[in-house]
Full PDB file with SEQRES, HELIX, SHEET, SSBOND, CRYST1, ORIGX, SCALE, CONECT and MASTER records, all heavy atoms in Angstrom:
SEQRES   1 A   34  HIS THR LEU SER ASP PRO GLY SER PRO ALA LEU VAL GLY          
SEQRES   2 A   34  MET ARG ILE ASP GLY ASP ALA VAL THR VAL LYS SER GLY          
SEQRES   3 A   34  GLN CYS PRO GLN ASP ARG VAL ARG                              
SHEET    1 AA1 2 LEU A  11  ASP A  17  0                                        
SHEET    2 AA1 2 ALA A  20  SER A  25 -1                                        
CRYST1    1.000    1.000    1.000  90.00  90.00  90.00 P 1           1          
ORIGX1      1.000000  0.000000  0.000000        0.00000                         
ORIGX2      0.000000  1.000000  0.000000        0.00000                         
ORIGX3      0.000000  0.000000  1.000000        0.00000                         
SCALE1      1.000000  0.000000  0.000000        0.00000                         
SCALE2      0.000000  1.000000  0.000000        0.00000                         
SCALE3      0.000000  0.000000  1.000000        0.00000                         
ATOM      1  N   HIS A   1      11.997 -10.717 -16.110  1.00  0.00           N  
ATOM      2  CA  HIS A   1      11.344 -10.512 -14.851  1.00  0.00           C  
ATOM      3  C   HIS A   1      12.210 -10.105 -13.677  1.00  0.00           C  
ATOM      4  O   HIS A   1      11.880  -9.343 -12.848  1.00  0.00           O  
ATOM      5  CB  HIS A   1      10.648 -11.998 -14.471  1.00  0.00           C  
ATOM      6  CG  HIS A   1       9.933 -11.922 -13.037  1.00  0.00           C  
ATOM      7  ND1 HIS A   1       8.745 -11.157 -12.728  1.00  0.00           N  
ATOM      8  CD2 HIS A   1      10.411 -12.457 -11.859  1.00  0.00           C  
ATOM      9  CE1 HIS A   1       8.409 -11.329 -11.538  1.00  0.00           C  
ATOM     10  NE2 HIS A   1       9.470 -12.062 -10.899  1.00  0.00           N  
ATOM     11  N   THR A   2      13.454 -10.773 -13.702  1.00  0.00           N  
ATOM     12  CA  THR A   2      14.444 -10.407 -12.720  1.00  0.00           C  
ATOM     13  C   THR A   2      14.874  -8.883 -12.853  1.00  0.00           C  
ATOM     14  O   THR A   2      15.045  -8.218 -11.833  1.00  0.00           O  
ATOM     15  CB  THR A   2      15.607 -11.238 -12.719  1.00  0.00           C  
ATOM     16  OG1 THR A   2      15.273 -12.657 -12.582  1.00  0.00           O  
ATOM     17  CG2 THR A   2      16.626 -10.943 -11.738  1.00  0.00           C  
ATOM     18  N   LEU A   3      15.113  -8.452 -14.037  1.00  0.00           N  
ATOM     19  CA  LEU A   3      15.649  -7.082 -14.164  1.00  0.00           C  
ATOM     20  C   LEU A   3      14.495  -6.062 -14.052  1.00  0.00           C  
ATOM     21  O   LEU A   3      14.706  -4.982 -13.562  1.00  0.00           O  
ATOM     22  CB  LEU A   3      16.162  -6.958 -15.495  1.00  0.00           C  
ATOM     23  CG  LEU A   3      17.552  -7.721 -15.814  1.00  0.00           C  
ATOM     24  CD1 LEU A   3      17.936  -7.631 -17.217  1.00  0.00           C  
ATOM     25  CD2 LEU A   3      18.578  -7.380 -14.869  1.00  0.00           C  
ATOM     26  N   SER A   4      13.235  -6.474 -14.317  1.00  0.00           N  
ATOM     27  CA  SER A   4      12.120  -5.550 -14.050  1.00  0.00           C  
ATOM     28  C   SER A   4      11.463  -5.462 -12.715  1.00  0.00           C  
ATOM     29  O   SER A   4      10.865  -4.673 -12.385  1.00  0.00           O  
ATOM     30  CB  SER A   4      11.004  -5.766 -15.093  1.00  0.00           C  
ATOM     31  OG  SER A   4      10.417  -7.006 -14.678  1.00  0.00           O  
ATOM     32  N   ASP A   5      11.988  -6.267 -11.834  1.00  0.00           N  
ATOM     33  CA  ASP A   5      11.426  -6.450 -10.511  1.00  0.00           C  
ATOM     34  C   ASP A   5      12.685  -6.336  -9.438  1.00  0.00           C  
ATOM     35  O   ASP A   5      13.124  -7.427  -9.144  1.00  0.00           O  
ATOM     36  CB  ASP A   5      10.659  -7.734 -10.353  1.00  0.00           C  
ATOM     37  CG  ASP A   5       9.977  -7.800  -9.010  1.00  0.00           C  
ATOM     38  OD1 ASP A   5       9.810  -6.754  -8.418  1.00  0.00           O  
ATOM     39  OD2 ASP A   5       9.692  -9.016  -8.578  1.00  0.00           O  
ATOM     40  N   PRO A   6      13.189  -5.195  -9.192  1.00  0.00           N  
ATOM     41  CA  PRO A   6      14.221  -5.179  -8.332  1.00  0.00           C  
ATOM     42  C   PRO A   6      13.956  -5.579  -6.955  1.00  0.00           C  
ATOM     43  O   PRO A   6      12.835  -5.649  -6.529  1.00  0.00           O  
ATOM     44  CB  PRO A   6      14.617  -3.690  -8.329  1.00  0.00           C  
ATOM     45  CG  PRO A   6      13.380  -2.927  -8.735  1.00  0.00           C  
ATOM     46  CD  PRO A   6      12.554  -3.929  -9.631  1.00  0.00           C  
ATOM     47  N   GLY A   7      15.078  -5.981  -6.204  1.00  0.00           N  
ATOM     48  CA  GLY A   7      14.733  -6.639  -4.877  1.00  0.00           C  
ATOM     49  C   GLY A   7      14.328  -5.643  -4.008  1.00  0.00           C  
ATOM     50  O   GLY A   7      13.517  -5.989  -3.104  1.00  0.00           O  
ATOM     51  N   SER A   8      14.571  -4.344  -4.033  1.00  0.00           N  
ATOM     52  CA  SER A   8      13.999  -3.341  -3.108  1.00  0.00           C  
ATOM     53  C   SER A   8      13.764  -2.008  -4.001  1.00  0.00           C  
ATOM     54  O   SER A   8      14.603  -1.654  -4.923  1.00  0.00           O  
ATOM     55  CB  SER A   8      14.861  -3.047  -2.094  1.00  0.00           C  
ATOM     56  OG  SER A   8      16.145  -2.450  -2.518  1.00  0.00           O  
ATOM     57  N   PRO A   9      12.655  -1.372  -3.774  1.00  0.00           N  
ATOM     58  CA  PRO A   9      12.496  -0.177  -4.582  1.00  0.00           C  
ATOM     59  C   PRO A   9      13.487   0.991  -4.202  1.00  0.00           C  
ATOM     60  O   PRO A   9      13.884   1.146  -3.039  1.00  0.00           O  
ATOM     61  CB  PRO A   9      11.089   0.269  -4.194  1.00  0.00           C  
ATOM     62  CG  PRO A   9      10.867  -0.401  -2.864  1.00  0.00           C  
ATOM     63  CD  PRO A   9      11.773  -1.614  -2.882  1.00  0.00           C  
ATOM     64  N   ALA A  10      13.841   1.717  -5.243  1.00  0.00           N  
ATOM     65  CA  ALA A  10      14.945   2.877  -5.046  1.00  0.00           C  
ATOM     66  C   ALA A  10      14.234   3.987  -4.288  1.00  0.00           C  
ATOM     67  O   ALA A  10      13.055   4.197  -4.652  1.00  0.00           O  
ATOM     68  CB  ALA A  10      15.417   3.234  -6.418  1.00  0.00           C  
ATOM     69  N   LEU A  11      14.895   4.554  -3.561  1.00  0.00           N  
ATOM     70  CA  LEU A  11      14.332   5.841  -2.815  1.00  0.00           C  
ATOM     71  C   LEU A  11      14.396   6.932  -3.782  1.00  0.00           C  
ATOM     72  O   LEU A  11      15.521   7.388  -4.331  1.00  0.00           O  
ATOM     73  CB  LEU A  11      15.088   6.019  -1.577  1.00  0.00           C  
ATOM     74  CG  LEU A  11      14.645   7.234  -0.692  1.00  0.00           C  
ATOM     75  CD1 LEU A  11      13.156   7.016  -0.219  1.00  0.00           C  
ATOM     76  CD2 LEU A  11      15.585   7.543   0.384  1.00  0.00           C  
ATOM     77  N   VAL A  12      13.311   7.472  -4.245  1.00  0.00           N  
ATOM     78  CA  VAL A  12      13.299   8.483  -5.235  1.00  0.00           C  
ATOM     79  C   VAL A  12      13.519   9.912  -4.504  1.00  0.00           C  
ATOM     80  O   VAL A  12      14.239  10.813  -5.047  1.00  0.00           O  
ATOM     81  CB  VAL A  12      11.979   8.422  -6.099  1.00  0.00           C  
ATOM     82  CG1 VAL A  12      11.916   9.729  -6.916  1.00  0.00           C  
ATOM     83  CG2 VAL A  12      11.870   7.239  -6.850  1.00  0.00           C  
ATOM     84  N   GLY A  13      12.828  10.110  -3.360  1.00  0.00           N  
ATOM     85  CA  GLY A  13      12.955  11.493  -2.754  1.00  0.00           C  
ATOM     86  C   GLY A  13      12.397  11.443  -1.371  1.00  0.00           C  
ATOM     87  O   GLY A  13      11.616  10.628  -0.959  1.00  0.00           O  
ATOM     88  N   MET A  14      12.781  12.573  -0.661  1.00  0.00           N  
ATOM     89  CA  MET A  14      12.489  12.703   0.611  1.00  0.00           C  
ATOM     90  C   MET A  14      12.322  14.152   0.840  1.00  0.00           C  
ATOM     91  O   MET A  14      12.946  15.048   0.359  1.00  0.00           O  
ATOM     92  CB  MET A  14      13.539  12.089   1.633  1.00  0.00           C  
ATOM     93  CG  MET A  14      13.216  12.374   3.081  1.00  0.00           C  
ATOM     94  SD  MET A  14      14.321  11.585   4.034  1.00  0.00           S  
ATOM     95  CE  MET A  14      15.455  12.869   4.580  1.00  0.00           C  
ATOM     96  N   ARG A  15      11.254  14.589   1.733  1.00  0.00           N  
ATOM     97  CA  ARG A  15      10.820  16.007   1.907  1.00  0.00           C  
ATOM     98  C   ARG A  15      10.737  16.227   3.373  1.00  0.00           C  
ATOM     99  O   ARG A  15       9.829  15.433   4.059  1.00  0.00           O  
ATOM    100  CB  ARG A  15       9.622  16.409   0.986  1.00  0.00           C  
ATOM    101  CG  ARG A  15       9.333  17.781   1.132  1.00  0.00           C  
ATOM    102  CD  ARG A  15       8.191  18.047   0.335  1.00  0.00           C  
ATOM    103  NE  ARG A  15       7.566  19.420   0.542  1.00  0.00           N  
ATOM    104  CZ  ARG A  15       6.796  19.998  -0.215  1.00  0.00           C  
ATOM    105  NH1 ARG A  15       6.303  19.381  -1.253  1.00  0.00           N  
ATOM    106  NH2 ARG A  15       6.288  21.186   0.006  1.00  0.00           N  
ATOM    107  N   ILE A  16      11.236  17.321   3.896  1.00  0.00           N  
ATOM    108  CA  ILE A  16      11.076  17.691   5.317  1.00  0.00           C  
ATOM    109  C   ILE A  16      10.301  18.896   5.448  1.00  0.00           C  
ATOM    110  O   ILE A  16      10.912  19.917   4.958  1.00  0.00           O  
ATOM    111  CB  ILE A  16      12.432  17.557   6.031  1.00  0.00           C  
ATOM    112  CG1 ILE A  16      12.985  16.173   6.025  1.00  0.00           C  
ATOM    113  CG2 ILE A  16      12.132  18.025   7.406  1.00  0.00           C  
ATOM    114  CD1 ILE A  16      14.474  16.202   6.606  1.00  0.00           C  
ATOM    115  N   ASP A  17       9.148  18.982   6.064  1.00  0.00           N  
ATOM    116  CA  ASP A  17       8.430  20.184   6.232  1.00  0.00           C  
ATOM    117  C   ASP A  17       8.212  20.322   7.769  1.00  0.00           C  
ATOM    118  O   ASP A  17       7.318  19.631   8.224  1.00  0.00           O  
ATOM    119  CB  ASP A  17       7.073  20.183   5.469  1.00  0.00           C  
ATOM    120  CG  ASP A  17       7.257  20.247   3.996  1.00  0.00           C  
ATOM    121  OD1 ASP A  17       8.072  21.047   3.633  1.00  0.00           O  
ATOM    122  OD2 ASP A  17       6.314  19.714   3.266  1.00  0.00           O  
ATOM    123  N   GLY A  18       8.964  21.119   8.461  1.00  0.00           N  
ATOM    124  CA  GLY A  18       8.848  21.194   9.945  1.00  0.00           C  
ATOM    125  C   GLY A  18       9.202  19.857  10.506  1.00  0.00           C  
ATOM    126  O   GLY A  18      10.203  19.316  10.477  1.00  0.00           O  
ATOM    127  N   ASP A  19       8.183  19.299  11.194  1.00  0.00           N  
ATOM    128  CA  ASP A  19       8.332  18.048  11.799  1.00  0.00           C  
ATOM    129  C   ASP A  19       7.854  16.876  10.984  1.00  0.00           C  
ATOM    130  O   ASP A  19       8.128  15.643  11.259  1.00  0.00           O  
ATOM    131  CB  ASP A  19       7.412  18.077  13.202  1.00  0.00           C  
ATOM    132  CG  ASP A  19       7.983  18.775  14.207  1.00  0.00           C  
ATOM    133  OD1 ASP A  19       9.246  19.137  14.020  1.00  0.00           O  
ATOM    134  OD2 ASP A  19       7.282  19.249  15.138  1.00  0.00           O  
ATOM    135  N   ALA A  20       7.265  17.101   9.760  1.00  0.00           N  
ATOM    136  CA  ALA A  20       6.725  16.127   9.032  1.00  0.00           C  
ATOM    137  C   ALA A  20       7.829  15.668   7.908  1.00  0.00           C  
ATOM    138  O   ALA A  20       8.397  16.444   7.164  1.00  0.00           O  
ATOM    139  CB  ALA A  20       5.512  16.601   8.196  1.00  0.00           C  
ATOM    140  N   VAL A  21       8.030  14.507   7.728  1.00  0.00           N  
ATOM    141  CA  VAL A  21       8.923  13.779   6.855  1.00  0.00           C  
ATOM    142  C   VAL A  21       8.125  13.030   5.801  1.00  0.00           C  
ATOM    143  O   VAL A  21       7.312  12.106   6.300  1.00  0.00           O  
ATOM    144  CB  VAL A  21       9.980  12.947   7.436  1.00  0.00           C  
ATOM    145  CG1 VAL A  21      10.950  12.290   6.383  1.00  0.00           C  
ATOM    146  CG2 VAL A  21      10.708  13.692   8.497  1.00  0.00           C  
ATOM    147  N   THR A  22       8.246  13.249   4.531  1.00  0.00           N  
ATOM    148  CA  THR A  22       7.438  12.585   3.515  1.00  0.00           C  
ATOM    149  C   THR A  22       8.491  11.854   2.576  1.00  0.00           C  
ATOM    150  O   THR A  22       9.401  12.556   2.117  1.00  0.00           O  
ATOM    151  CB  THR A  22       6.538  13.496   2.725  1.00  0.00           C  
ATOM    152  OG1 THR A  22       5.731  14.173   3.612  1.00  0.00           O  
ATOM    153  CG2 THR A  22       5.713  12.720   1.789  1.00  0.00           C  
ATOM    154  N   VAL A  23       8.240  10.651   2.266  1.00  0.00           N  
ATOM    155  CA  VAL A  23       9.175   9.887   1.417  1.00  0.00           C  
ATOM    156  C   VAL A  23       8.373   9.515   0.206  1.00  0.00           C  
ATOM    157  O   VAL A  23       7.130   8.958   0.319  1.00  0.00           O  
ATOM    158  CB  VAL A  23       9.688   8.617   2.049  1.00  0.00           C  
ATOM    159  CG1 VAL A  23      10.481   7.855   1.069  1.00  0.00           C  
ATOM    160  CG2 VAL A  23      10.559   9.153   3.229  1.00  0.00           C  
ATOM    161  N   LYS A  24       8.962   9.485  -0.977  1.00  0.00           N  
ATOM    162  CA  LYS A  24       8.332   9.046  -2.256  1.00  0.00           C  
ATOM    163  C   LYS A  24       9.229   8.031  -2.767  1.00  0.00           C  
ATOM    164  O   LYS A  24      10.289   8.084  -3.028  1.00  0.00           O  
ATOM    165  CB  LYS A  24       8.309  10.257  -3.278  1.00  0.00           C  
ATOM    166  CG  LYS A  24       7.672   9.801  -4.568  1.00  0.00           C  
ATOM    167  CD  LYS A  24       6.404   9.297  -4.673  1.00  0.00           C  
ATOM    168  CE  LYS A  24       5.888   9.082  -6.008  1.00  0.00           C  
ATOM    169  NZ  LYS A  24       4.692   8.241  -6.078  1.00  0.00           N  
ATOM    170  N   SER A  25       8.508   6.720  -2.843  1.00  0.00           N  
ATOM    171  CA  SER A  25       9.237   5.544  -3.297  1.00  0.00           C  
ATOM    172  C   SER A  25       8.733   5.233  -4.811  1.00  0.00           C  
ATOM    173  O   SER A  25       7.715   5.289  -5.028  1.00  0.00           O  
ATOM    174  CB  SER A  25       9.112   4.344  -2.382  1.00  0.00           C  
ATOM    175  OG  SER A  25       7.729   3.910  -2.399  1.00  0.00           O  
ATOM    176  N   GLY A  26       9.687   4.875  -5.586  1.00  0.00           N  
ATOM    177  CA  GLY A  26       9.438   4.557  -6.883  1.00  0.00           C  
ATOM    178  C   GLY A  26       8.843   3.034  -7.025  1.00  0.00           C  
ATOM    179  O   GLY A  26       9.368   2.174  -6.438  1.00  0.00           O  
ATOM    180  N   GLN A  27       7.788   2.878  -7.707  1.00  0.00           N  
ATOM    181  CA  GLN A  27       7.245   1.514  -7.878  1.00  0.00           C  
ATOM    182  C   GLN A  27       6.254   1.517  -9.116  1.00  0.00           C  
ATOM    183  O   GLN A  27       5.944   2.614  -9.603  1.00  0.00           O  
ATOM    184  CB  GLN A  27       6.567   1.219  -6.606  1.00  0.00           C  
ATOM    185  CG  GLN A  27       5.347   2.029  -6.294  1.00  0.00           C  
ATOM    186  CD  GLN A  27       4.756   1.694  -4.935  1.00  0.00           C  
ATOM    187  OE1 GLN A  27       5.444   1.367  -4.066  1.00  0.00           O  
ATOM    188  NE2 GLN A  27       3.477   1.864  -4.738  1.00  0.00           N  
ATOM    189  N   CYS A  28       5.930   0.276  -9.449  1.00  0.00           N  
ATOM    190  CA  CYS A  28       4.930   0.087 -10.613  1.00  0.00           C  
ATOM    191  C   CYS A  28       3.570   0.596 -10.160  1.00  0.00           C  
ATOM    192  O   CYS A  28       3.280   0.484  -9.035  1.00  0.00           O  
ATOM    193  CB  CYS A  28       5.068  -1.164 -11.131  1.00  0.00           C  
ATOM    194  SG  CYS A  28       6.752  -1.698 -11.834  1.00  0.00           S  
ATOM    195  N   PRO A  29       2.706   1.003 -11.078  1.00  0.00           N  
ATOM    196  CA  PRO A  29       1.420   1.393 -10.620  1.00  0.00           C  
ATOM    197  C   PRO A  29       0.598   0.316 -10.038  1.00  0.00           C  
ATOM    198  O   PRO A  29      -0.292   0.481  -9.162  1.00  0.00           O  
ATOM    199  CB  PRO A  29       0.819   1.787 -11.947  1.00  0.00           C  
ATOM    200  CG  PRO A  29       1.831   2.082 -12.973  1.00  0.00           C  
ATOM    201  CD  PRO A  29       2.936   1.251 -12.471  1.00  0.00           C  
ATOM    202  N   GLN A  30       0.715  -0.939 -10.422  1.00  0.00           N  
ATOM    203  CA  GLN A  30      -0.010  -1.912  -9.749  1.00  0.00           C  
ATOM    204  C   GLN A  30       0.479  -2.362  -8.598  1.00  0.00           C  
ATOM    205  O   GLN A  30      -0.166  -3.238  -7.735  1.00  0.00           O  
ATOM    206  CB  GLN A  30      -0.199  -3.157 -10.808  1.00  0.00           C  
ATOM    207  CG  GLN A  30       1.209  -3.966 -10.929  1.00  0.00           C  
ATOM    208  CD  GLN A  30       2.079  -3.433 -12.058  1.00  0.00           C  
ATOM    209  OE1 GLN A  30       1.840  -2.310 -12.632  1.00  0.00           O  
ATOM    210  NE2 GLN A  30       3.105  -4.306 -12.318  1.00  0.00           N  
ATOM    211  N   ASP A  31       1.681  -2.085  -8.003  1.00  0.00           N  
ATOM    212  CA  ASP A  31       2.337  -2.441  -6.781  1.00  0.00           C  
ATOM    213  C   ASP A  31       1.711  -1.618  -5.614  1.00  0.00           C  
ATOM    214  O   ASP A  31       1.250  -0.462  -5.868  1.00  0.00           O  
ATOM    215  CB  ASP A  31       3.843  -2.295  -6.800  1.00  0.00           C  
ATOM    216  CG  ASP A  31       4.418  -3.218  -7.774  1.00  0.00           C  
ATOM    217  OD1 ASP A  31       3.870  -4.352  -8.104  1.00  0.00           O  
ATOM    218  OD2 ASP A  31       5.615  -3.035  -8.177  1.00  0.00           O  
ATOM    219  N   ARG A  32       1.717  -2.269  -4.496  1.00  0.00           N  
ATOM    220  CA  ARG A  32       1.271  -1.493  -3.259  1.00  0.00           C  
ATOM    221  C   ARG A  32       2.366  -1.611  -2.176  1.00  0.00           C  
ATOM    222  O   ARG A  32       2.913  -2.714  -2.072  1.00  0.00           O  
ATOM    223  CB  ARG A  32      -0.127  -2.081  -2.726  1.00  0.00           C  
ATOM    224  CG  ARG A  32      -1.209  -1.888  -3.712  1.00  0.00           C  
ATOM    225  CD  ARG A  32      -1.593  -0.350  -3.793  1.00  0.00           C  
ATOM    226  NE  ARG A  32      -2.617  -0.147  -4.748  1.00  0.00           N  
ATOM    227  CZ  ARG A  32      -2.515   0.580  -5.886  1.00  0.00           C  
ATOM    228  NH1 ARG A  32      -1.343   1.286  -6.150  1.00  0.00           N  
ATOM    229  NH2 ARG A  32      -3.433   0.806  -6.760  1.00  0.00           N  
ATOM    230  N   VAL A  33       2.523  -0.581  -1.390  1.00  0.00           N  
ATOM    231  CA  VAL A  33       3.339  -0.669  -0.324  1.00  0.00           C  
ATOM    232  C   VAL A  33       2.765  -1.313   0.952  1.00  0.00           C  
ATOM    233  O   VAL A  33       1.609  -1.092   1.325  1.00  0.00           O  
ATOM    234  CB  VAL A  33       3.756   0.816   0.176  1.00  0.00           C  
ATOM    235  CG1 VAL A  33       4.678   0.807   1.443  1.00  0.00           C  
ATOM    236  CG2 VAL A  33       4.486   1.492  -0.924  1.00  0.00           C  
ATOM    237  N   ARG A  34       3.394  -2.261   1.594  1.00  0.00           N  
ATOM    238  CA  ARG A  34       2.995  -3.076   2.569  1.00  0.00           C  
ATOM    239  C   ARG A  34       3.643  -2.648   3.969  1.00  0.00           C  
ATOM    240  O   ARG A  34       3.068  -2.582   4.971  1.00  0.00           O  
ATOM    241  CB  ARG A  34       3.108  -4.580   2.350  1.00  0.00           C  
ATOM    242  CG  ARG A  34       2.191  -5.060   1.356  1.00  0.00           C  
ATOM    243  CD  ARG A  34       2.287  -6.418   1.296  1.00  0.00           C  
ATOM    244  NE  ARG A  34       2.318  -6.702  -0.232  1.00  0.00           N  
ATOM    245  CZ  ARG A  34       2.808  -7.831  -0.711  1.00  0.00           C  
ATOM    246  NH1 ARG A  34       3.341  -8.610   0.025  1.00  0.00           N  
ATOM    247  NH2 ARG A  34       2.842  -7.974  -2.041  1.00  0.00           N  
TER     248      ARG A  34                                                      
MASTER        0    0    0    0    2    0    0    6  247    1    0    3          
END                                                                             
């Protein structure tokens, strides 16, 4: 459980399109960002 549930999700990627910044965070399918 400890190894499969890291303390904070790793930042997978970031994209900048003009003024818009989009971040993709890695997480399990059942998890939700709060």
